[in-house]
């Protein structure tokens, strides 16, 4: 059985408190936890001190007094390589756009920010992040299943056929090849159930898109 779904999260940084509060209010319609900071250095410190905090999306203003948005994005990407990044800027030009793209920025949103576009783009990137993480988890499960199957197959060939392994009469010694094979088979079943659960979750995401 799959455990409860972990809520997605957003790291939001803008040195203007009024704008930060406005963005937080706009994001209330998005199903994600929002960690907001007016100080980019504090945001960076928070990530370093909370290794379990793995934001799906980072939204940062470009011009900030202590650290520019691009610099913050570069530092956060080093710590959380899978994060999707959105840069807010009132001064958009070609050179800045190229520099931002080279720094790991996924999208540049021009200020003043339009609420509908802001929410729509954020929701879209949250969905992409969720799908990407699901695919990675599915790939990991499939690799684990292949490894277990290889060991299971070797054990079966060395000891006895599968039907013999499943007989209660031979399930006595926990250290026997038989018991190890049974444990591996059970683990494979659990991984298969997890894979089905992840596939179902992926289908639900596609339907919600």
Protein backbone atom coordinates (compact mmCIF):
# COMPACT_ATOMS: atom_id res chain seq x y z
CA UNK A 1 0.00 0.00 0.00
CA UNK A 2 1.27 3.48 -0.85
CA UNK A 3 1.74 5.93 2.00
CA UNK A 4 0.11 9.36 2.18
CA UNK A 5 1.10 11.71 -0.60
CA UNK A 6 3.68 14.32 0.33
CA UNK A 7 2.49 17.84 -0.47
CA UNK A 8 4.51 19.71 -3.02
CA UNK A 9 6.39 22.81 -1.96
CA UNK A 10 7.38 26.21 -3.33
CA UNK A 11 10.26 28.44 -2.28
CA UNK A 12 9.25 32.07 -2.84
CA UNK A 13 11.73 34.94 -2.53
CA UNK A 14 11.19 38.68 -3.06
CA UNK A 15 12.75 41.50 -1.04
CA UNK A 16 9.56 43.61 -1.31
CA UNK A 17 7.32 42.40 1.50
CA UNK A 18 4.08 43.70 -0.02
CA UNK A 19 4.75 41.85 -3.28
CA UNK A 20 5.79 38.72 -1.40
CA UNK A 21 2.49 38.72 0.50
CA UNK A 22 0.59 39.30 -2.74
CA UNK A 23 2.31 36.35 -4.42
CA UNK A 24 1.58 34.15 -1.40
CA UNK A 25 -2.08 35.12 -1.60
CA UNK A 26 -2.15 34.35 -5.33
CA UNK A 27 -0.66 30.91 -4.69
CA UNK A 28 -3.38 29.91 -2.22
CA UNK A 29 -5.25 28.32 -5.11
CA UNK A 30 -2.25 26.08 -5.81
CA UNK A 31 -2.05 22.81 -3.89
CA UNK A 32 1.42 23.31 -2.40
CA UNK A 33 3.14 24.53 0.75
CA UNK A 34 4.83 27.92 0.32
CA UNK A 35 7.99 28.95 2.18
CA UNK A 36 8.43 32.70 1.66
CA UNK A 37 11.43 34.94 2.36
CA UNK A 38 12.27 38.60 1.81
CA UNK A 39 15.97 37.85 2.30
CA UNK A 40 17.58 35.51 -0.26
CA UNK A 41 20.40 34.67 2.16
CA UNK A 42 17.84 33.52 4.72
CA UNK A 43 16.14 31.41 2.06
CA UNK A 44 19.46 29.79 1.20
CA UNK A 45 20.24 29.22 4.87
CA UNK A 46 16.84 27.60 5.36
CA UNK A 47 17.53 25.10 2.57
CA UNK A 48 20.97 24.27 3.96
CA UNK A 49 19.63 23.76 7.48
CA UNK A 50 16.64 21.68 6.34
CA UNK A 51 17.91 18.86 4.11
CA UNK A 52 14.43 17.30 3.98
CA UNK A 53 13.02 20.46 2.38
CA UNK A 54 13.08 19.73 -1.34
CA UNK A 55 11.11 22.46 -3.15
CA UNK A 56 9.48 21.55 -6.42
CA UNK A 57 9.52 25.15 -7.63
CA UNK A 58 11.68 28.15 -6.74
CA UNK A 59 10.21 31.56 -7.57
CA UNK A 60 12.63 34.44 -7.12
CA UNK A 61 12.76 38.14 -7.87
CA UNK A 62 15.73 39.22 -9.99
CA UNK A 63 16.87 42.47 -8.36
CA UNK A 64 17.47 42.05 -4.62
CA UNK A 65 19.98 43.95 -2.46
CA UNK A 66 21.85 41.06 -0.81
CA UNK A 67 21.87 38.57 -3.67
CA UNK A 68 20.49 38.67 -7.19
CA UNK A 69 17.85 36.17 -8.16
CA UNK A 70 20.11 34.41 -10.66
CA UNK A 71 22.79 33.95 -7.99
CA UNK A 72 20.22 32.52 -5.59
CA UNK A 73 18.95 30.14 -8.27
CA UNK A 74 22.49 28.95 -9.02
CA UNK A 75 23.11 28.22 -5.33
CA UNK A 76 19.78 26.47 -4.80
CA UNK A 77 20.24 24.31 -7.91
CA UNK A 78 23.58 23.12 -6.49
CA UNK A 79 21.75 21.92 -3.37
CA UNK A 80 18.51 20.76 -5.04
CA UNK A 81 19.30 19.83 -8.66
CA UNK A 82 15.71 18.81 -9.47
CA UNK A 83 14.13 22.16 -8.55
CA UNK A 84 12.23 24.06 -11.25
CA UNK A 85 13.00 27.78 -11.26
CA UNK A 86 10.98 30.87 -12.18
CA UNK A 87 12.59 34.32 -12.27
CA UNK A 88 10.53 37.49 -11.79
CA UNK A 89 11.96 40.58 -13.47
CA UNK A 90 10.83 44.10 -14.33
CA UNK A 91 13.84 44.65 -16.59
CA UNK A 92 13.78 42.00 -19.26
CA UNK A 93 16.26 42.05 -22.14
CA UNK A 94 17.88 39.48 -24.44
CA UNK A 95 21.20 39.38 -22.60
CA UNK A 96 19.50 38.83 -19.25
CA UNK A 97 17.30 36.10 -20.71
CA UNK A 98 20.32 34.23 -22.11
CA UNK A 99 22.22 34.60 -18.84
CA UNK A 100 19.19 33.36 -16.89
CA UNK A 101 18.75 30.32 -19.14
CA UNK A 102 22.43 29.43 -18.74
CA UNK A 103 22.04 29.72 -14.96
CA UNK A 104 19.25 27.14 -14.78
CA UNK A 105 16.18 29.37 -15.01
CA UNK A 106 13.21 27.56 -16.56
CA UNK A 107 10.96 30.57 -17.05
CA UNK A 108 11.17 34.37 -16.80
CA UNK A 109 7.98 36.12 -15.77
CA UNK A 110 7.88 39.85 -16.43
CA UNK A 111 6.80 42.23 -13.67
CA UNK A 112 4.27 43.54 -12.88
CA UNK A 113 3.09 39.96 -12.58
CA UNK A 114 -0.34 39.07 -13.92
CA UNK A 115 -2.06 36.83 -11.37
CA UNK A 116 -3.59 34.41 -13.87
CA UNK A 117 -0.29 33.84 -15.69
CA UNK A 118 1.62 33.57 -12.41
CA UNK A 119 -0.70 30.90 -11.00
CA UNK A 120 -1.02 29.02 -14.29
CA UNK A 121 2.74 28.80 -14.89
CA UNK A 122 3.46 27.80 -11.29
CA UNK A 123 0.79 25.09 -11.37
CA UNK A 124 2.15 23.80 -14.69
CA UNK A 125 5.69 23.49 -13.34
CA UNK A 126 4.45 21.83 -10.16
CA UNK A 127 2.75 19.23 -12.31
CA UNK A 128 5.88 18.71 -14.41
CA UNK A 129 7.95 18.30 -11.25
CA UNK A 130 5.54 15.73 -9.84
CA UNK A 131 5.51 13.74 -13.08
CA UNK A 132 9.30 13.83 -13.30
CA UNK A 133 9.71 12.57 -9.73
CA UNK A 134 7.17 9.81 -10.35
CA UNK A 135 9.07 8.64 -13.43
CA UNK A 136 12.34 8.55 -11.48
CA UNK A 137 10.72 6.57 -8.69
CA UNK A 138 9.20 4.15 -11.19
CA UNK A 139 12.59 3.65 -12.84
CA UNK A 140 14.15 2.93 -9.43
CA UNK A 141 11.44 0.37 -8.62
CA UNK A 142 11.91 -1.35 -11.98
CA UNK A 143 15.68 -1.60 -11.45
CA UNK A 144 15.12 -3.08 -7.99
CA UNK A 145 12.66 -5.61 -9.41
CA UNK A 146 15.13 -6.70 -12.09
CA UNK A 147 17.88 -7.15 -9.52
CA UNK A 148 15.62 -9.16 -7.21
CA UNK A 149 14.36 -11.30 -10.08
CA UNK A 150 17.92 -12.15 -11.10
CA UNK A 151 18.77 -13.31 -7.57
CA UNK A 152 15.45 -15.14 -7.26
CA UNK A 153 16.01 -16.97 -10.54
CA UNK A 154 19.48 -18.10 -9.50
CA UNK A 155 18.19 -19.37 -6.16
CA UNK A 156 15.37 -21.29 -7.82
CA UNK A 157 17.69 -22.91 -10.33
CA UNK A 158 20.17 -23.87 -7.64
CA UNK A 159 17.69 -25.27 -5.14
CA UNK A 160 14.30 -26.32 -6.56
CA UNK A 161 11.45 -25.17 -8.75
CA UNK A 162 9.04 -22.43 -7.69
CA UNK A 163 6.21 -24.80 -6.73
CA UNK A 164 8.51 -26.66 -4.34
CA UNK A 165 9.66 -23.40 -2.79
CA UNK A 166 6.08 -22.48 -1.95
CA UNK A 167 5.32 -25.71 -0.06
CA UNK A 168 4.87 -25.06 3.69
CA UNK A 169 6.76 -28.24 4.55
CA UNK A 170 10.06 -26.79 3.34
CA UNK A 171 9.65 -23.38 4.97
CA UNK A 172 11.53 -24.10 8.16
CA UNK A 173 15.07 -22.78 8.18
CA UNK A 174 15.08 -18.93 7.87
CA UNK A 175 18.65 -19.07 6.57
CA UNK A 176 17.92 -21.65 3.88
CA UNK A 177 17.95 -20.85 0.19
CA UNK A 178 14.24 -21.66 0.16
CA UNK A 179 13.36 -19.02 2.75
CA UNK A 180 15.57 -16.45 1.03
CA UNK A 181 13.80 -17.14 -2.24
CA UNK A 182 10.41 -16.71 -0.58
CA UNK A 183 11.51 -13.39 0.96
CA UNK A 184 12.71 -12.17 -2.42
CA UNK A 185 9.44 -13.19 -4.06
CA UNK A 186 7.50 -11.25 -1.41
CA UNK A 187 9.71 -8.20 -1.92
CA UNK A 188 9.12 -8.42 -5.67
CA UNK A 189 5.36 -8.52 -5.08
CA UNK A 190 5.56 -5.39 -2.91
CA UNK A 191 7.61 -3.58 -5.55
CA UNK A 192 5.12 -4.61 -8.22
CA UNK A 193 2.27 -3.16 -6.14
CA UNK A 194 4.24 0.05 -5.65
CA UNK A 195 4.86 0.31 -9.39
CA UNK A 196 1.14 -0.12 -10.10
CA UNK A 197 0.34 2.56 -7.52
CA UNK A 198 2.82 4.98 -9.12
CA UNK A 199 1.38 4.27 -12.57
CA UNK A 200 -2.12 4.97 -11.29
CA UNK A 201 -0.93 8.22 -9.71
CA UNK A 202 0.62 9.24 -13.04
CA UNK A 203 -2.69 8.61 -14.82
CA UNK A 204 -4.49 10.78 -12.24
CA UNK A 205 -2.02 13.60 -12.88
CA UNK A 206 -2.62 13.38 -16.63
CA UNK A 207 -6.40 13.48 -16.13
CA UNK A 208 -6.08 16.56 -13.90
CA UNK A 209 -3.96 18.39 -16.49
